[in-house]
Amino acid sequence: MTLETETVFTRLLLHSKKKYAGLQWKSLGPLIKGMDLKRRDYCLWSKNIQVQVLQVLLHSTDTESMQSHLRQLVKEVLIKSPSEINQVFQTSLSREIAATPPQPTA
């Protein structure tokens, strides 16, 4: 019996079954599978925040600097004006609502 490795990670964040993000050993960028930021139906604002959080978690080596970066990110998100956040969600919702639902057949 022979075993072959598909991907080797230097760092790995497991969210749940089939949802993970990690830094590949012989690659420059992270490999992200199944996370919400890979889905098309999530708004760009939430995807950007998730990317920033993943970058901090995967690239930081010191836990204290990681915590300070994440705290700073949370402060920036909380400082954002509600109108900016509402605009992002309204844009996202209007795209989904604009699609015509399928008509039931009798």
Protein backbone atom coordinates (compact mmCIF):
# COMPACT_ATOMS: atom_id res chain seq x y z
CA MET A 1 0.00 0.00 0.00
CA THR A 2 1.28 3.46 -0.85
CA LEU A 3 0.04 6.75 0.53
CA GLU A 4 0.31 9.98 -1.38
CA THR A 5 0.10 13.41 0.18
CA GLU A 6 -2.13 15.90 -1.52
CA THR A 7 -1.37 19.06 0.45
CA VAL A 8 0.96 19.80 3.35
CA PHE A 9 0.17 22.80 5.53
CA THR A 10 2.49 24.83 7.72
CA ARG A 11 -0.53 26.32 9.52
CA LEU A 12 -4.12 25.15 9.43
CA LEU A 13 -7.38 26.54 10.78
CA LEU A 14 -10.16 23.95 10.89
CA HIS A 15 -13.63 25.44 11.15
CA SER A 16 -15.76 22.34 10.64
CA LYS A 17 -16.10 19.42 8.26
CA LYS A 18 -14.98 20.53 4.78
CA LYS A 19 -14.36 24.11 5.98
CA TYR A 20 -10.75 25.07 6.50
CA ALA A 21 -8.05 27.58 5.65
CA GLY A 22 -4.34 26.98 5.75
CA LEU A 23 -0.94 28.02 4.52
CA GLN A 24 0.44 25.48 2.08
CA TRP A 25 3.99 24.35 2.56
CA LYS A 26 5.28 24.94 -0.98
CA SER A 27 2.89 27.68 -2.05
CA LEU A 28 2.80 31.43 -1.66
CA GLY A 29 -0.86 31.90 -0.79
CA PRO A 30 -3.36 30.35 1.56
CA LEU A 31 -5.70 27.54 0.56
CA ILE A 32 -9.29 28.22 1.61
CA LYS A 33 -12.02 25.62 1.23
CA GLY A 34 -15.68 25.85 2.16
CA MET A 35 -15.41 29.11 4.10
CA ASP A 36 -18.11 31.75 3.67
CA LEU A 37 -15.77 34.14 1.92
CA LYS A 38 -15.58 31.71 -1.01
CA ARG A 39 -19.34 31.85 -1.56
CA ARG A 40 -20.84 34.20 -4.11
CA ASP A 41 -23.95 35.05 -2.11
CA TYR A 42 -22.09 36.72 0.78
CA CYS A 43 -21.52 40.48 0.67
CA LEU A 44 -18.11 41.86 -0.16
CA TRP A 45 -17.83 43.69 3.17
CA SER A 46 -18.07 40.49 5.23
CA LYS A 47 -15.70 38.69 2.84
CA ASN A 48 -13.08 41.43 3.28
CA ILE A 49 -13.31 41.20 7.07
CA GLN A 50 -12.97 37.41 6.95
CA VAL A 51 -9.91 37.67 4.71
CA GLN A 52 -8.28 40.13 7.13
CA VAL A 53 -9.01 37.86 10.12
CA LEU A 54 -7.62 34.81 8.29
CA GLN A 55 -4.48 36.71 7.31
CA VAL A 56 -3.85 37.65 10.93
CA LEU A 57 -4.54 34.12 12.20
CA LEU A 58 -2.42 32.38 9.57
CA HIS A 59 0.53 34.76 9.34
CA SER A 60 1.05 35.96 12.93
CA THR A 61 3.64 34.10 14.95
CA ASP A 62 3.19 35.94 18.25
CA THR A 63 -0.12 35.52 20.09
CA GLU A 64 0.02 39.00 21.62
CA SER A 65 0.48 40.71 18.25
CA MET A 66 -2.29 38.50 16.85
CA GLN A 67 -4.65 39.59 19.61
CA SER A 68 -3.80 43.26 19.17
CA HIS A 69 -4.36 43.05 15.38
CA LEU A 70 -7.73 41.35 15.88
CA ARG A 71 -8.78 43.86 18.55
CA GLN A 72 -7.86 46.71 16.20
CA LEU A 73 -9.89 45.11 13.42
CA VAL A 74 -12.93 44.78 15.71
CA LYS A 75 -12.59 48.46 16.71
CA GLU A 76 -12.48 49.48 13.05
CA VAL A 77 -15.61 47.46 12.32
CA LEU A 78 -17.45 48.95 15.31
CA ILE A 79 -16.42 52.51 14.39
CA LYS A 80 -17.85 52.20 10.88
CA SER A 81 -20.97 54.29 10.54
CA PRO A 82 -24.27 52.39 10.46
CA SER A 83 -25.18 54.03 7.15
CA GLU A 84 -22.10 52.51 5.47
CA ILE A 85 -22.93 49.06 6.80
CA ASN A 86 -26.62 49.42 5.86
CA GLN A 87 -25.63 50.46 2.33
CA VAL A 88 -23.54 47.30 1.97
CA PHE A 89 -26.39 45.07 3.14
CA GLN A 90 -29.00 46.93 1.05
CA THR A 91 -26.88 46.41 -2.06
CA SER A 92 -26.44 42.75 -1.23
CA LEU A 93 -30.15 42.25 -0.52
CA SER A 94 -31.32 44.12 -3.63
CA ARG A 95 -29.33 41.75 -5.84
CA GLU A 96 -31.06 38.72 -4.35
CA ILE A 97 -34.53 40.31 -4.39
CA ALA A 98 -34.16 41.43 -8.01
CA ALA A 99 -34.02 37.83 -9.21
CA THR A 100 -37.44 36.58 -10.23
CA PRO A 101 -38.56 33.53 -8.30
CA PRO A 102 -39.72 30.48 -10.27
CA GLN A 103 -43.48 30.38 -10.90
CA PRO A 104 -45.37 27.37 -9.55
CA THR A 105 -46.88 25.08 -12.16
CA ALA A 106 -50.48 24.05 -11.79
